């Protein structure tokens, strides 16, 4: 994998991870209408966000997330080159309340909340799993819409 492909993967994973967290937060404030099976839930229950800050996409909320190989414009996204001790170390991504730092040598993406507390550490395998999960969910959603 070329360095450009590795950067694109890290950027995409950060974007998917932050969008997923935003979906979880908004799901915590919106009453649930139905689950994927089409059954209506108990009306006294509301969707709740879990405390999990990991990369898994295991909730029943919307899962079709766009992938950007380049950063999107106009939504508060910022990206900068990270240089430490005179050497290129990777990239820093900032969007919403999370900051991601991709370390090129380790090929690892570390995500922190607004307080600087680490909430996720994604190695090469975890980043690949996030993209694979998103692609599978998008194909399944397209199949349901076509049926």
Protein backbone atom coordinates (compact mmCIF):
# COMPACT_ATOMS: atom_id res chain seq x y z
CA UNK A 1 0.00 0.00 0.00
CA UNK A 2 1.42 3.40 -0.96
CA UNK A 3 1.76 6.20 1.60
CA UNK A 4 -1.06 8.08 -0.19
CA UNK A 5 -3.35 5.04 0.10
CA UNK A 6 -2.48 4.67 3.79
CA UNK A 7 -3.28 8.35 4.38
CA UNK A 8 -6.58 8.04 2.51
CA UNK A 9 -7.48 4.99 4.61
CA UNK A 10 -6.66 6.80 7.87
CA UNK A 11 -8.60 9.90 6.78
CA UNK A 12 -11.60 7.77 5.78
CA UNK A 13 -11.54 5.80 9.04
CA UNK A 14 -11.38 8.97 11.12
CA UNK A 15 -14.29 10.39 9.15
CA UNK A 16 -16.39 7.21 9.51
CA UNK A 17 -15.58 6.93 13.22
CA UNK A 18 -16.56 10.55 13.97
CA UNK A 19 -19.76 10.31 11.88
CA UNK A 20 -20.68 7.13 13.72
CA UNK A 21 -20.16 8.84 17.08
CA UNK A 22 -22.33 11.78 15.95
CA UNK A 23 -25.07 9.31 14.95
CA UNK A 24 -24.88 7.68 18.37
CA UNK A 25 -25.15 11.04 20.10
CA UNK A 26 -28.13 12.12 18.01
CA UNK A 27 -29.78 8.72 18.53
CA UNK A 28 -29.63 9.36 22.26
CA UNK A 29 -31.96 12.33 21.85
CA UNK A 30 -34.36 11.00 19.19
CA UNK A 31 -37.07 8.45 20.07
CA UNK A 32 -36.67 5.15 18.27
CA UNK A 33 -39.32 4.44 15.61
CA UNK A 34 -38.57 0.89 14.56
CA UNK A 35 -35.77 -1.61 14.38
CA UNK A 36 -34.33 -3.22 11.25
CA UNK A 37 -36.91 -6.00 11.36
CA UNK A 38 -39.69 -3.43 11.00
CA UNK A 39 -41.19 -4.15 14.40
CA UNK A 40 -42.26 -1.21 16.51
CA UNK A 41 -40.41 -0.97 19.84
CA UNK A 42 -41.94 -0.27 23.21
CA UNK A 43 -43.05 3.41 22.98
CA UNK A 44 -41.78 4.13 26.49
CA UNK A 45 -38.22 3.39 25.40
CA UNK A 46 -35.91 5.83 23.70
CA UNK A 47 -32.77 5.07 21.79
CA UNK A 48 -29.71 5.45 23.93
CA UNK A 49 -26.11 5.92 22.97
CA UNK A 50 -23.68 3.48 24.47
CA UNK A 51 -20.53 4.53 26.24
CA UNK A 52 -18.49 2.47 23.78
CA UNK A 53 -16.09 4.67 21.87
CA UNK A 54 -14.61 1.83 19.84
CA UNK A 55 -14.68 1.49 16.08
CA UNK A 56 -17.42 -1.14 15.94
CA UNK A 57 -20.61 -0.32 14.06
CA UNK A 58 -23.04 -2.44 16.04
CA UNK A 59 -26.07 -0.23 16.69
CA UNK A 60 -29.33 -0.35 14.74
CA UNK A 61 -29.14 3.26 13.55
CA UNK A 62 -28.50 4.44 10.01
CA UNK A 63 -25.27 2.97 8.72
CA UNK A 64 -24.82 4.33 5.21
CA UNK A 65 -21.86 6.63 5.61
CA UNK A 66 -20.09 8.37 2.74
CA UNK A 67 -16.37 7.86 2.28
CA UNK A 68 -14.08 10.75 1.39
CA UNK A 69 -10.65 10.19 -0.05
CA UNK A 70 -10.13 13.93 0.30
CA UNK A 71 -11.38 16.03 3.22
CA UNK A 72 -14.84 17.54 2.67
CA UNK A 73 -15.10 21.30 2.58
CA UNK A 74 -17.34 23.49 4.70
CA UNK A 75 -18.15 21.25 7.66
CA UNK A 76 -15.50 22.31 10.16
CA UNK A 77 -13.00 19.72 8.97
CA UNK A 78 -9.36 20.62 9.45
CA UNK A 79 -6.29 18.61 8.54
CA UNK A 80 -2.67 19.47 9.15
CA UNK A 81 0.75 17.94 8.67
CA UNK A 82 2.32 16.75 11.90
CA UNK A 83 6.06 17.34 12.27
CA UNK A 84 7.89 16.38 15.45
CA UNK A 85 11.57 17.05 16.10
CA UNK A 86 11.98 18.10 12.46
CA UNK A 87 10.57 14.87 11.01
CA UNK A 88 7.26 14.17 9.28
CA UNK A 89 5.23 11.99 11.66
CA UNK A 90 1.78 11.94 10.06
CA UNK A 91 -1.42 13.96 9.96
CA UNK A 92 -3.77 15.53 12.45
CA UNK A 93 -7.52 15.57 11.72
CA UNK A 94 -10.00 17.75 13.58
CA UNK A 95 -13.77 17.61 13.12
CA UNK A 96 -16.63 17.81 15.61
CA UNK A 97 -15.39 17.26 19.15
CA UNK A 98 -12.75 14.65 18.27
CA UNK A 99 -9.14 14.94 17.17
CA UNK A 100 -7.41 12.16 15.28
CA UNK A 101 -3.69 11.74 14.85
CA UNK A 102 -2.40 9.32 12.23
CA UNK A 103 1.16 8.16 12.81
CA UNK A 104 2.68 7.17 9.47
CA UNK A 105 5.46 4.89 10.75
CA UNK A 106 3.17 2.89 13.00
CA UNK A 107 0.22 3.22 10.59
CA UNK A 108 -1.97 3.87 13.60
CA UNK A 109 -4.83 6.32 14.11
CA UNK A 110 -5.35 7.60 17.64
CA UNK A 111 -8.51 9.52 18.46
CA UNK A 112 -9.01 11.86 21.42
CA UNK A 113 -12.07 13.68 22.72
CA UNK A 114 -12.16 17.46 23.22
CA UNK A 115 -10.54 17.07 26.65
CA UNK A 116 -7.56 15.22 25.15
CA UNK A 117 -8.60 11.87 26.60
CA UNK A 118 -7.80 8.95 24.25
CA UNK A 119 -11.01 7.22 23.15
CA UNK A 120 -9.82 4.95 20.31
CA UNK A 121 -6.63 3.51 18.89
CA UNK A 122 -6.98 1.97 15.44
CA UNK A 123 -4.21 -0.11 13.93
CA UNK A 124 -4.07 -1.25 10.31
CA UNK A 125 -6.38 -4.23 10.91
CA UNK A 126 -9.01 -2.18 12.77
CA UNK A 127 -9.00 0.50 10.07
CA UNK A 128 -9.49 -2.16 7.39
CA UNK A 129 -12.35 -3.66 9.43
CA UNK A 130 -14.11 -0.28 9.71
CA UNK A 131 -13.98 0.25 5.95
CA UNK A 132 -15.04 -3.34 5.23
CA UNK A 133 -17.98 -3.08 7.67
CA UNK A 134 -19.12 0.19 6.12
CA UNK A 135 -18.91 -1.24 2.58
CA UNK A 136 -20.87 -4.37 3.60
CA UNK A 137 -23.58 -2.29 5.27
CA UNK A 138 -23.87 -0.03 2.24
CA UNK A 139 -24.20 -3.04 -0.10
CA UNK A 140 -26.87 -4.54 2.18
CA UNK A 141 -28.79 -1.23 2.27
CA UNK A 142 -28.60 -0.96 -1.53
CA UNK A 143 -29.88 -4.54 -1.82
CA UNK A 144 -32.82 -3.76 0.48
CA UNK A 145 -33.68 -0.66 -1.52
CA UNK A 146 -33.50 -2.57 -4.81
CA UNK A 147 -35.79 -5.34 -3.49
